[in-house]
């Protein structure tokens, strides 16, 4: 397995999130607020603390895993020329 193969296995897109902080957020304080979006599903939400940010991420990942286990997700091969 090459280094690039390991990177893909360790960083699957299904576990990717975009986190955007409000302009007035100072990460050195307890005030942490912004928007978070799950890259693959498009689920998004606003957070007002680290706790609510992590809660959103955990909920999305748990839902994703439950859906995969129930067989509701069908994997499609990408179109390769």
Protein backbone atom coordinates (compact mmCIF):
# COMPACT_ATOMS: atom_id res chain seq x y z
CA UNK A 1 0.00 0.00 0.00
CA UNK A 2 1.42 3.37 -0.99
CA UNK A 3 1.29 6.47 1.16
CA UNK A 4 -1.46 7.91 -1.07
CA UNK A 5 -3.54 4.73 -0.61
CA UNK A 6 -3.24 5.01 3.19
CA UNK A 7 -4.20 8.69 3.08
CA UNK A 8 -7.44 7.85 1.25
CA UNK A 9 -8.27 5.12 3.73
CA UNK A 10 -7.69 7.40 6.70
CA UNK A 11 -9.45 10.45 5.26
CA UNK A 12 -12.68 9.21 3.66
CA UNK A 13 -14.92 11.96 2.24
CA UNK A 14 -17.87 10.58 4.21
CA UNK A 15 -16.15 11.90 7.34
CA UNK A 16 -15.39 15.38 5.97
CA UNK A 17 -16.94 18.54 7.36
CA UNK A 18 -16.58 22.24 6.54
CA UNK A 19 -16.49 24.47 9.61
CA UNK A 20 -16.90 28.21 9.17
CA UNK A 21 -16.55 30.56 12.13
CA UNK A 22 -18.38 33.86 12.45
CA UNK A 23 -16.12 36.90 12.02
CA UNK A 24 -16.37 37.82 15.71
CA UNK A 25 -15.37 34.36 16.94
CA UNK A 26 -12.19 34.34 18.98
CA UNK A 27 -10.94 30.80 19.38
CA UNK A 28 -9.07 31.76 22.56
CA UNK A 29 -12.34 32.33 24.40
CA UNK A 30 -15.40 30.28 25.21
CA UNK A 31 -17.37 32.11 22.49
CA UNK A 32 -17.15 29.79 19.48
CA UNK A 33 -19.91 30.11 16.90
CA UNK A 34 -20.45 29.50 13.23
CA UNK A 35 -21.75 27.06 10.66
CA UNK A 36 -20.85 23.43 9.98
CA UNK A 37 -21.69 21.33 6.91
CA UNK A 38 -21.20 17.64 6.18
CA UNK A 39 -19.51 17.51 2.78
CA UNK A 40 -21.15 14.35 1.41
CA UNK A 41 -24.74 14.70 2.66
CA UNK A 42 -24.99 18.49 2.68
CA UNK A 43 -26.49 18.47 6.18
CA UNK A 44 -25.71 21.80 7.78
CA UNK A 45 -26.28 23.61 11.04
CA UNK A 46 -25.20 26.52 13.17
CA UNK A 47 -23.33 26.08 16.43
CA UNK A 48 -22.73 28.38 19.39
CA UNK A 49 -20.18 26.35 21.35
CA UNK A 50 -17.62 23.62 20.86
CA UNK A 51 -20.08 21.24 22.49
CA UNK A 52 -22.82 21.92 19.93
CA UNK A 53 -20.30 21.69 17.06
CA UNK A 54 -19.08 18.28 18.22
CA UNK A 55 -22.66 17.17 18.88
CA UNK A 56 -23.62 17.94 15.27
CA UNK A 57 -20.59 16.08 13.90
CA UNK A 58 -21.25 13.05 16.13
CA UNK A 59 -24.93 12.94 15.19
CA UNK A 60 -24.20 13.03 11.46
CA UNK A 61 -21.56 10.32 11.69
CA UNK A 62 -23.79 8.08 13.82
CA UNK A 63 -26.70 8.54 11.37
CA UNK A 64 -24.39 7.76 8.45
CA UNK A 65 -23.12 4.58 10.10
CA UNK A 66 -26.67 3.46 10.97
CA UNK A 67 -27.81 4.04 7.39
CA UNK A 68 -24.86 2.06 6.02
CA UNK A 69 -25.56 -0.82 8.39
CA UNK A 70 -29.22 -0.95 7.37
CA UNK A 71 -28.23 -1.31 3.73
CA UNK A 72 -29.95 1.91 2.62
CA UNK A 73 -26.82 3.28 0.96
CA UNK A 74 -25.85 1.96 -2.41
CA UNK A 75 -22.27 2.51 -3.51
CA UNK A 76 -21.87 3.76 -7.06
CA UNK A 77 -18.62 3.49 -8.92
CA UNK A 78 -17.46 6.89 -10.21
CA UNK A 79 -17.59 7.44 -13.94
CA UNK A 80 -14.07 6.84 -15.15
CA UNK A 81 -13.21 7.62 -18.76
